Structure formats: structure tokens, C-alpha cells
Amino acid sequence: MTVTLMWEARAVQGLAAELLEWARAQELASEPLRRETFRAPQDRVLVMTWWDADDMGAELPELPEPDAQLITRPVHRWRFESVETRP
């Protein structure tokens, strides 16, 4: 099964570039099948990683919480199970 981890943080106003660089520099304990990093309005940074896992609750490496001075609130995290892929 493919499990996708979503990590989303909102930077302190004016620090979006720093948060983006911080997220891009984070190494994971193992390599995902795919990793994509996004930026969005309101100084948001989103990182999605795709993993081959036995179940939704599998132990998978996740990005840590950035320094509190860089973000406006705790990181939001979600897990998704792939149900369909289209070209």
C-alpha cells in the first residue's frame, strides 16, 4: 500500500523563505518513494512524502517541528492511503 504523509506549517509573516529552506534541508531517516515541497499563500509550506507501507499506522519518518520562532502555530500532519492513481 502507498501511504502519503502530509506536513504543513505556517511561517511567521516575512519568514516564509526561511521556513521553506528549513523544510527542504530536513533529512529523513530513510528515503520515501517520492517527496514534494510546496509553498502557498499566507506563508504556508507543505511537504508530502509517499511511502510503501504495510498499513496506515506504519512507523514512518516524519519531518520534525521547526523552531517555534519560525512558525505561527503547531505543524499540521495528516496521513492518507492511496486509493487510485491516474496519469
N, C-alpha and C. Protein backbone atom coordinates (compact mmCIF):
# COMPACT_ATOMS: atom_id res chain seq x y z
N MET A 1 0.84 -1.16 0.00
CA MET A 1 0.00 0.00 0.00
C MET A 1 0.89 1.23 0.00
N THR A 2 0.40 2.31 -0.59
CA THR A 2 1.13 3.58 -0.56
C THR A 2 0.48 4.48 0.48
N VAL A 3 1.30 4.95 1.41
CA VAL A 3 0.86 5.90 2.43
C VAL A 3 1.54 7.23 2.15
N THR A 4 0.74 8.29 2.16
CA THR A 4 1.28 9.63 1.94
C THR A 4 1.18 10.40 3.24
N LEU A 5 2.31 10.98 3.65
CA LEU A 5 2.34 11.83 4.83
C LEU A 5 2.33 13.28 4.36
N MET A 6 1.48 14.08 4.97
CA MET A 6 1.40 15.50 4.65
C MET A 6 1.80 16.29 5.88
N TRP A 7 2.72 17.22 5.70
CA TRP A 7 3.25 18.08 6.76
C TRP A 7 3.02 19.51 6.29
N GLU A 8 2.34 20.32 7.10
CA GLU A 8 2.05 21.69 6.70
C GLU A 8 2.31 22.64 7.86
N ALA A 9 3.04 23.72 7.57
CA ALA A 9 3.36 24.71 8.60
C ALA A 9 3.11 26.11 8.04
N ARG A 10 2.81 27.03 8.94
CA ARG A 10 2.61 28.43 8.55
C ARG A 10 3.70 29.26 9.22
N ALA A 11 4.46 29.95 8.39
CA ALA A 11 5.58 30.76 8.89
C ALA A 11 5.10 32.05 9.52
N VAL A 12 5.92 32.55 10.41
CA VAL A 12 5.72 33.91 10.91
C VAL A 12 5.80 34.83 9.69
N GLN A 13 4.99 35.86 9.65
CA GLN A 13 4.96 36.77 8.50
C GLN A 13 6.37 37.26 8.17
N GLY A 14 6.73 37.14 6.91
CA GLY A 14 8.04 37.57 6.46
C GLY A 14 9.12 36.50 6.53
N LEU A 15 8.79 35.32 7.11
CA LEU A 15 9.78 34.26 7.26
C LEU A 15 9.47 33.03 6.41
N ALA A 16 8.61 33.20 5.40
CA ALA A 16 8.23 32.05 4.56
C ALA A 16 9.43 31.45 3.84
N ALA A 17 10.33 32.28 3.34
CA ALA A 17 11.51 31.76 2.63
C ALA A 17 12.39 30.95 3.57
N GLU A 18 12.54 31.42 4.80
CA GLU A 18 13.34 30.69 5.79
C GLU A 18 12.71 29.35 6.14
N LEU A 19 11.39 29.35 6.31
CA LEU A 19 10.70 28.09 6.61
C LEU A 19 10.82 27.12 5.44
N LEU A 20 10.67 27.62 4.22
CA LEU A 20 10.80 26.77 3.04
C LEU A 20 12.20 26.15 2.98
N GLU A 21 13.23 26.94 3.19
CA GLU A 21 14.60 26.41 3.16
C GLU A 21 14.83 25.42 4.29
N TRP A 22 14.28 25.70 5.47
CA TRP A 22 14.40 24.77 6.60
C TRP A 22 13.79 23.42 6.23
N ALA A 23 12.56 23.44 5.68
CA ALA A 23 11.86 22.20 5.32
C ALA A 23 12.64 21.44 4.25
N ARG A 24 13.16 22.13 3.27
CA ARG A 24 13.90 21.47 2.18
C ARG A 24 15.19 20.84 2.68
N ALA A 25 15.77 21.39 3.73
CA ALA A 25 17.05 20.89 4.25
C ALA A 25 16.89 19.70 5.19
N GLN A 26 15.67 19.39 5.61
CA GLN A 26 15.48 18.30 6.57
C GLN A 26 15.69 16.94 5.92
N GLU A 27 16.56 16.15 6.53
CA GLU A 27 16.81 14.79 6.07
C GLU A 27 15.90 13.84 6.84
N LEU A 28 15.43 12.82 6.16
CA LEU A 28 14.62 11.78 6.80
C LEU A 28 15.49 10.56 7.05
N ALA A 29 15.09 9.74 8.01
CA ALA A 29 15.88 8.55 8.37
C ALA A 29 15.98 7.56 7.21
N SER A 30 15.01 7.57 6.31
CA SER A 30 15.07 6.75 5.10
C SER A 30 14.43 7.54 3.96
N GLU A 31 14.67 7.08 2.75
CA GLU A 31 14.17 7.78 1.57
C GLU A 31 12.75 7.34 1.22
N PRO A 32 11.84 8.30 1.03
CA PRO A 32 10.49 7.96 0.59
C PRO A 32 10.50 7.60 -0.89
N LEU A 33 9.40 7.05 -1.37
CA LEU A 33 9.25 6.79 -2.80
C LEU A 33 9.29 8.11 -3.58
N ARG A 34 8.73 9.14 -2.95
CA ARG A 34 8.64 10.46 -3.57
C ARG A 34 8.53 11.50 -2.46
N ARG A 35 9.07 12.67 -2.71
CA ARG A 35 8.96 13.79 -1.76
C ARG A 35 8.76 15.05 -2.56
N GLU A 36 7.74 15.82 -2.19
CA GLU A 36 7.46 17.06 -2.89
C GLU A 36 7.25 18.17 -1.87
N THR A 37 7.78 19.35 -2.17
CA THR A 37 7.68 20.50 -1.29
C THR A 37 6.95 21.62 -2.03
N PHE A 38 6.00 22.26 -1.33
CA PHE A 38 5.18 23.31 -1.93
C PHE A 38 5.21 24.56 -1.05
N ARG A 39 4.90 25.69 -1.67
CA ARG A 39 4.63 26.91 -0.90
C ARG A 39 3.24 27.39 -1.31
N ALA A 40 2.61 28.13 -0.40
CA ALA A 40 1.24 28.57 -0.64
C ALA A 40 1.04 29.95 -0.03
N PRO A 41 -0.07 30.61 -0.38
CA PRO A 41 -0.37 31.90 0.23
C PRO A 41 -0.39 31.81 1.76
N GLN A 42 -0.29 32.93 2.38
CA GLN A 42 -0.30 33.07 3.84
C GLN A 42 0.92 32.40 4.46
N ASP A 43 2.06 32.44 3.74
CA ASP A 43 3.35 31.96 4.27
C ASP A 43 3.31 30.49 4.68
N ARG A 44 2.59 29.67 3.93
CA ARG A 44 2.49 28.25 4.24
C ARG A 44 3.51 27.44 3.45
N VAL A 45 4.01 26.37 4.08
CA VAL A 45 4.90 25.42 3.44
C VAL A 45 4.30 24.04 3.65
N LEU A 46 4.29 23.25 2.59
CA LEU A 46 3.70 21.91 2.61
C LEU A 46 4.73 20.92 2.08
N VAL A 47 4.90 19.81 2.79
CA VAL A 47 5.77 18.74 2.32
C VAL A 47 4.95 17.46 2.33
N MET A 48 4.98 16.78 1.19
CA MET A 48 4.29 15.49 1.08
C MET A 48 5.32 14.44 0.74
N THR A 49 5.22 13.29 1.44
CA THR A 49 6.11 12.17 1.16
C THR A 49 5.26 10.92 0.95
N TRP A 50 5.69 10.10 -0.01
CA TRP A 50 4.99 8.87 -0.35
C TRP A 50 5.84 7.68 0.08
N TRP A 51 5.21 6.69 0.72
CA TRP A 51 5.92 5.54 1.28
C TRP A 51 5.24 4.24 0.92
N ASP A 52 6.01 3.20 0.73
CA ASP A 52 5.48 1.86 0.60
C ASP A 52 5.38 1.31 2.03
N ALA A 53 4.17 1.01 2.48
CA ALA A 53 3.96 0.58 3.88
C ALA A 53 2.94 -0.54 3.93
N ASP A 54 2.99 -1.30 5.02
CA ASP A 54 2.05 -2.41 5.20
C ASP A 54 0.65 -1.94 5.60
N ASP A 55 0.59 -0.81 6.34
CA ASP A 55 -0.70 -0.29 6.76
C ASP A 55 -0.58 1.19 7.10
N MET A 56 -1.72 1.85 7.31
CA MET A 56 -1.76 3.30 7.58
C MET A 56 -1.00 3.68 8.86
N GLY A 57 -0.95 2.78 9.80
CA GLY A 57 -0.30 3.09 11.07
C GLY A 57 1.17 2.75 11.11
N ALA A 58 1.76 2.42 9.97
CA ALA A 58 3.17 2.02 9.93
C ALA A 58 4.07 3.13 10.47
N GLU A 59 5.14 2.73 11.11
CA GLU A 59 6.14 3.66 11.62
C GLU A 59 6.92 4.22 10.43
N LEU A 60 6.77 5.52 10.18
CA LEU A 60 7.43 6.17 9.05
C LEU A 60 8.14 7.44 9.51
N PRO A 61 9.27 7.78 8.91
CA PRO A 61 9.96 9.01 9.31
C PRO A 61 9.15 10.24 8.90
N GLU A 62 9.10 11.20 9.79
CA GLU A 62 8.37 12.44 9.51
C GLU A 62 9.26 13.63 9.77
N LEU A 63 8.93 14.74 9.12
CA LEU A 63 9.66 15.98 9.38
C LEU A 63 9.36 16.42 10.81
N PRO A 64 10.36 16.99 11.47
CA PRO A 64 10.15 17.47 12.84
C PRO A 64 9.39 18.80 12.86
N GLU A 65 9.15 19.26 14.05
CA GLU A 65 8.56 20.57 14.28
C GLU A 65 9.69 21.61 14.16
N PRO A 66 9.50 22.68 13.38
CA PRO A 66 10.54 23.72 13.31
C PRO A 66 10.62 24.50 14.62
N ASP A 67 11.65 25.32 14.75
CA ASP A 67 11.76 26.20 15.92
C ASP A 67 10.51 27.06 16.03
N ALA A 68 10.04 27.25 17.25
CA ALA A 68 8.81 28.00 17.49
C ALA A 68 8.86 29.43 16.95
N GLN A 69 10.04 30.02 16.87
CA GLN A 69 10.19 31.39 16.38
C GLN A 69 9.92 31.49 14.88
N LEU A 70 9.89 30.36 14.19
CA LEU A 70 9.72 30.34 12.73
C LEU A 70 8.27 30.13 12.31
N ILE A 71 7.43 29.61 13.21
CA ILE A 71 6.06 29.25 12.84
C ILE A 71 5.03 29.95 13.73
N THR A 72 3.81 30.08 13.21
CA THR A 72 2.74 30.77 13.95
C THR A 72 1.87 29.83 14.77
N ARG A 73 1.99 28.53 14.51
CA ARG A 73 1.17 27.53 15.20
C ARG A 73 1.84 26.17 15.03
N PRO A 74 1.41 25.17 15.77
CA PRO A 74 1.99 23.83 15.59
C PRO A 74 1.78 23.33 14.16
N VAL A 75 2.66 22.47 13.72
CA VAL A 75 2.58 21.86 12.41
C VAL A 75 1.32 21.00 12.32
N HIS A 76 0.68 21.01 11.16
CA HIS A 76 -0.44 20.10 10.90
C HIS A 76 0.10 18.90 10.15
N ARG A 77 -0.35 17.71 10.54
CA ARG A 77 0.10 16.47 9.91
C ARG A 77 -1.11 15.58 9.61
N TRP A 78 -1.11 14.98 8.42
CA TRP A 78 -2.15 14.04 8.05
C TRP A 78 -1.52 12.86 7.33
N ARG A 79 -2.21 11.72 7.40
CA ARG A 79 -1.82 10.51 6.66
C ARG A 79 -2.95 10.16 5.71
N PHE A 80 -2.55 9.76 4.52
CA PHE A 80 -3.51 9.35 3.51
C PHE A 80 -3.10 8.01 2.94
N GLU A 81 -4.08 7.22 2.55
CA GLU A 81 -3.85 5.97 1.84
C GLU A 81 -4.26 6.17 0.38
N SER A 82 -3.39 5.83 -0.54
CA SER A 82 -3.70 5.96 -1.96
C SER A 82 -4.77 4.94 -2.35
N VAL A 83 -5.81 5.41 -3.03
CA VAL A 83 -6.87 4.51 -3.49
C VAL A 83 -6.96 4.46 -5.01
N GLU A 84 -6.33 5.43 -5.69
CA GLU A 84 -6.36 5.44 -7.15
C GLU A 84 -5.26 6.35 -7.68
N THR A 85 -4.63 5.93 -8.78
CA THR A 85 -3.64 6.75 -9.45
C THR A 85 -4.03 6.86 -10.92
N ARG A 86 -4.02 8.07 -11.44
CA ARG A 86 -4.33 8.28 -12.86
C ARG A 86 -3.19 9.05 -13.49
N PRO A 87 -2.92 8.81 -14.78
CA PRO A 87 -1.85 9.55 -15.46
C PRO A 87 -2.21 11.01 -15.65
